Amino acid sequence: MKIPHSFRDSSLLTLALTHASVVAEVGGEDNQRLEFLGDAVLQLVVSQWLFAECRGWDEGELSRARAALVNAQSFATFADAWELGANLRLAKGDRATGTAAKVNVRADVFEAVVGAIYLDGGLQSVRAAVIPLLGAPPREPGAAKSPRSVLLEWAQARKLDAPTYEVVAETGPAHQKRFEMVVDVAGQRFGPAAGDSKKTAALEAARLALAKLASGP
């Protein structure tokens, strides 16, 4: 493995690499509690990094940049860099069927290992291990994924239908149109949001949906 952290308590790493299938087969504890902890730690570390590096960006711009980094696909890629999939402790049947190659499984073990690093060495150890994976800081807000892309990924991660957009109002003369758009996702309807083009209105509707979904019911 290529984890850039030397564990003082090696049992934490063993636990972080223990998939639930092993517990179902032989008993013991799996890595899901560490996964929960690691997810929260990663949110904090990436948020602090963006806050320090992207001066002048507003909350929405920072949130979109974080969403481009804090997601299952990114975490799966980071897990590959640390060679976690090859070292994941799986039941024999799951190893044979390619469970370790699945994006969500690789992402989950990355979160669990980060949780273990946090318990073993604290937040500074997590920063030292994770920040090199993030690459160069984004220098322009536009470098972050658009709200529509982030919303689509949010739906796909939850195995939901892709968001659908609908123009509900169109006002103004031909040379100065104003559009109002709503978006349907996860069985909910968000909007309307306005823009001087359908594209802009759709982006604003997606941004509104993301803010509402993040804040909960």
Protein backbone atom coordinates (compact mmCIF):
# COMPACT_ATOMS: atom_id res chain seq x y z
CA MET A 1 0.00 0.00 0.00
CA LYS A 2 1.04 3.59 -0.52
CA ILE A 3 -0.71 5.27 2.41
CA PRO A 4 1.45 8.27 3.40
CA HIS A 5 1.00 7.69 7.12
CA SER A 6 2.79 5.34 9.51
CA PHE A 7 0.23 3.93 11.91
CA ARG A 8 1.15 3.75 15.55
CA ASP A 9 -1.92 1.55 16.08
CA SER A 10 -1.95 -0.90 13.19
CA SER A 11 -5.28 -2.34 14.33
CA LEU A 12 -6.95 0.85 13.12
CA LEU A 13 -5.70 0.25 9.60
CA THR A 14 -6.78 -3.39 9.72
CA LEU A 15 -10.26 -2.31 10.79
CA ALA A 16 -10.41 0.37 8.09
CA LEU A 17 -9.69 -2.28 5.46
CA THR A 18 -12.34 -4.70 6.75
CA HIS A 19 -15.37 -4.87 4.47
CA ALA A 20 -18.79 -5.81 5.87
CA SER A 21 -18.71 -9.07 3.90
CA VAL A 22 -15.90 -10.35 6.15
CA VAL A 23 -17.99 -9.70 9.24
CA ALA A 24 -20.94 -11.50 7.70
CA GLU A 25 -18.67 -14.47 7.05
CA VAL A 26 -16.55 -14.72 10.19
CA GLY A 27 -17.87 -12.07 12.60
CA GLY A 28 -16.12 -9.13 14.21
CA GLU A 29 -16.33 -5.43 13.32
CA ASP A 30 -16.35 -3.82 9.89
CA ASN A 31 -15.11 -0.42 8.71
CA GLN A 32 -18.45 1.38 8.49
CA ARG A 33 -18.01 3.46 11.66
CA LEU A 34 -14.60 4.61 10.45
CA GLU A 35 -16.15 5.38 7.06
CA PHE A 36 -18.69 7.65 8.81
CA LEU A 37 -15.92 9.46 10.67
CA GLY A 38 -13.69 9.76 7.61
CA ASP A 39 -16.46 11.33 5.56
CA ALA A 40 -16.85 14.13 8.11
CA VAL A 41 -13.08 14.66 8.40
CA LEU A 42 -12.70 14.86 4.62
CA GLN A 43 -15.46 17.45 4.39
CA LEU A 44 -13.60 19.57 6.93
CA VAL A 45 -10.12 19.15 5.43
CA VAL A 46 -11.23 19.93 1.87
CA SER A 47 -13.36 22.86 3.05
CA GLN A 48 -10.46 24.38 4.99
CA TRP A 49 -8.10 23.86 2.03
CA LEU A 50 -10.46 25.58 -0.41
CA PHE A 51 -11.18 28.37 2.06
CA ALA A 52 -7.45 29.10 2.37
CA GLU A 53 -6.55 28.66 -1.30
CA CYS A 54 -9.55 30.24 -3.05
CA ARG A 55 -9.60 33.71 -1.55
CA GLY A 56 -12.43 35.93 -2.70
CA TRP A 57 -14.70 33.05 -3.68
CA ASP A 58 -18.23 33.16 -2.31
CA GLU A 59 -20.01 30.33 -0.50
CA GLY A 60 -21.61 28.94 -3.64
CA GLU A 61 -18.33 28.86 -5.55
CA LEU A 62 -16.58 27.13 -2.67
CA SER A 63 -19.42 24.61 -2.35
CA ARG A 64 -19.25 23.72 -6.03
CA ALA A 65 -15.47 23.33 -5.88
CA ARG A 66 -15.82 21.06 -2.84
CA ALA A 67 -18.50 18.97 -4.54
CA ALA A 68 -16.09 18.39 -7.43
CA LEU A 69 -13.61 16.85 -4.98
CA VAL A 70 -15.77 15.31 -2.26
CA ASN A 71 -17.63 12.59 -4.17
CA ALA A 72 -17.48 8.85 -4.70
CA GLN A 73 -15.59 9.00 -7.99
CA SER A 74 -12.85 11.22 -6.55
CA PHE A 75 -12.54 9.07 -3.44
CA ALA A 76 -12.33 5.91 -5.54
CA THR A 77 -9.49 7.47 -7.51
CA PHE A 78 -7.72 8.44 -4.28
CA ALA A 79 -8.18 4.87 -3.01
CA ASP A 80 -6.44 3.62 -6.16
CA ALA A 81 -3.52 5.96 -5.52
CA TRP A 82 -3.12 4.35 -2.09
CA GLU A 83 -3.70 0.83 -3.50
CA LEU A 84 -6.53 0.20 -1.05
CA GLY A 85 -8.67 -1.99 -3.29
CA ALA A 86 -5.98 -4.66 -3.57
CA ASN A 87 -5.62 -4.71 0.22
CA LEU A 88 -9.30 -4.59 1.16
CA ARG A 89 -10.32 -7.49 3.41
CA LEU A 90 -13.26 -9.16 1.67
CA ALA A 91 -15.14 -12.42 1.93
CA LYS A 92 -13.90 -14.97 -0.61
CA GLY A 93 -17.01 -14.73 -2.75
CA ASP A 94 -16.86 -10.95 -2.91
CA ARG A 95 -13.21 -11.00 -3.94
CA ALA A 96 -14.02 -13.39 -6.77
CA THR A 97 -16.93 -11.29 -8.06
CA GLY A 98 -14.91 -8.07 -8.27
CA THR A 99 -16.43 -6.21 -5.33
CA ALA A 100 -13.15 -4.37 -4.69
CA ALA A 101 -13.34 -2.76 -8.13
CA LYS A 102 -16.68 -1.05 -7.51
CA VAL A 103 -16.55 2.72 -7.22
CA ASN A 104 -18.62 2.91 -4.05
CA VAL A 105 -16.57 0.20 -2.32
CA ARG A 106 -13.28 1.91 -3.17
CA ALA A 107 -14.68 5.26 -2.05
CA ASP A 108 -15.93 3.78 1.23
CA VAL A 109 -12.59 2.21 2.12
CA PHE A 110 -10.82 5.49 1.38
CA GLU A 111 -13.13 7.27 3.83
CA ALA A 112 -12.55 4.55 6.41
CA VAL A 113 -8.76 4.79 6.11
CA VAL A 114 -8.96 8.57 6.49
CA GLY A 115 -11.02 8.02 9.65
CA ALA A 116 -8.33 5.68 10.91
CA ILE A 117 -5.57 8.19 10.13
CA TYR A 118 -7.51 10.83 12.07
CA LEU A 119 -7.80 8.62 15.15
CA ASP A 120 -4.16 7.57 14.91
CA GLY A 121 -2.51 10.90 14.14
CA GLY A 122 -5.05 13.70 14.30
CA LEU A 123 -6.20 16.27 11.80
CA GLN A 124 -2.71 17.37 10.77
CA SER A 125 -1.87 13.82 9.71
CA VAL A 126 -5.00 13.70 7.59
CA ARG A 127 -4.09 16.99 5.94
CA ALA A 128 -0.57 15.74 5.17
CA ALA A 129 -1.96 12.58 3.59
CA VAL A 130 -4.97 13.94 1.72
CA ILE A 131 -4.03 17.39 0.40
CA PRO A 132 -1.41 16.05 -2.08
CA LEU A 133 -4.21 14.00 -3.66
CA LEU A 134 -6.28 17.10 -4.40
CA GLY A 135 -3.94 18.49 -7.02
CA ALA A 136 -3.46 22.16 -7.76
CA PRO A 137 -6.06 24.46 -6.17
CA PRO A 138 -8.69 25.73 -8.62
CA ARG A 139 -7.83 29.30 -9.59
CA GLU A 140 -11.09 30.36 -11.19
CA PRO A 141 -14.61 29.64 -9.92
CA GLY A 142 -15.53 28.45 -13.40
CA ALA A 143 -13.03 25.60 -13.04
CA ALA A 144 -15.43 23.93 -10.65
CA LYS A 145 -18.20 21.72 -11.96
CA SER A 146 -21.45 23.43 -12.88
CA PRO A 147 -24.45 23.07 -10.54
CA ARG A 148 -26.18 20.96 -13.20
CA SER A 149 -23.29 18.50 -13.25
CA VAL A 150 -23.16 18.34 -9.46
CA LEU A 151 -26.92 17.81 -9.22
CA LEU A 152 -26.78 15.04 -11.81
CA GLU A 153 -23.98 13.32 -9.89
CA TRP A 154 -25.99 13.69 -6.67
CA ALA A 155 -28.93 11.90 -8.29
CA GLN A 156 -26.77 9.20 -9.89
CA ALA A 157 -25.04 8.46 -6.60
CA ARG A 158 -28.46 7.73 -5.11
CA LYS A 159 -29.63 5.72 -8.13
CA LEU A 160 -32.32 8.30 -8.94
CA ASP A 161 -33.57 9.43 -12.33
CA ALA A 162 -31.65 12.30 -13.91
CA PRO A 163 -33.00 15.76 -13.01
CA THR A 164 -35.45 17.20 -15.53
CA TYR A 165 -35.79 20.90 -16.32
CA GLU A 166 -38.85 22.78 -17.49
CA VAL A 167 -39.39 26.38 -18.58
CA VAL A 168 -42.44 27.64 -16.70
CA ALA A 169 -42.40 31.29 -17.82
CA GLU A 170 -40.89 33.38 -20.60
CA THR A 171 -41.12 37.15 -20.53
CA GLY A 172 -39.70 40.22 -22.25
CA PRO A 173 -39.11 41.20 -25.88
CA ALA A 174 -37.23 38.93 -28.28
CA HIS A 175 -33.92 40.73 -27.75
CA GLN A 176 -34.23 40.70 -23.95
CA LYS A 177 -35.90 37.46 -22.94
CA ARG A 178 -36.24 36.35 -19.34
CA PHE A 179 -36.77 32.67 -18.54
CA GLU A 180 -38.01 30.95 -15.41
CA MET A 181 -37.06 27.32 -14.92
CA VAL A 182 -37.91 24.58 -12.43
CA VAL A 183 -36.07 21.29 -11.88
CA ASP A 184 -37.53 17.97 -10.74
CA VAL A 185 -35.21 15.65 -8.81
CA ALA A 186 -35.65 13.06 -6.08
CA GLY A 187 -39.43 13.40 -6.32
CA GLN A 188 -39.26 17.11 -5.51
CA ARG A 189 -39.73 20.23 -7.58
CA PHE A 190 -37.38 23.18 -7.05
CA GLY A 191 -37.76 26.71 -8.37
CA PRO A 192 -38.61 28.71 -10.24
CA ALA A 193 -35.22 30.27 -10.88
CA ALA A 194 -34.72 33.02 -13.45
CA GLY A 195 -32.08 33.81 -16.04
CA ASP A 196 -31.57 35.72 -19.26
CA SER A 197 -31.19 32.40 -21.13
CA LYS A 198 -32.55 28.90 -20.66
CA LYS A 199 -29.05 27.71 -19.79
CA THR A 200 -28.60 30.32 -17.07
CA ALA A 201 -32.05 29.67 -15.65
CA ALA A 202 -31.35 25.93 -15.53
CA LEU A 203 -28.05 26.53 -13.73
CA GLU A 204 -29.80 28.68 -11.16
CA ALA A 205 -32.54 26.08 -10.68
CA ALA A 206 -29.89 23.41 -10.10
CA ARG A 207 -28.07 25.69 -7.66
CA LEU A 208 -31.32 26.25 -5.76
CA ALA A 209 -32.02 22.51 -5.66
CA LEU A 210 -28.54 21.75 -4.31
CA ALA A 211 -28.90 24.35 -1.57
CA LYS A 212 -32.30 23.00 -0.54
CA LEU A 213 -31.15 19.38 -0.60
CA ALA A 214 -28.07 20.23 1.45
CA SER A 215 -30.12 21.99 4.11
CA GLY A 216 -32.48 19.02 4.49
CA PRO A 217 -36.26 19.05 4.94
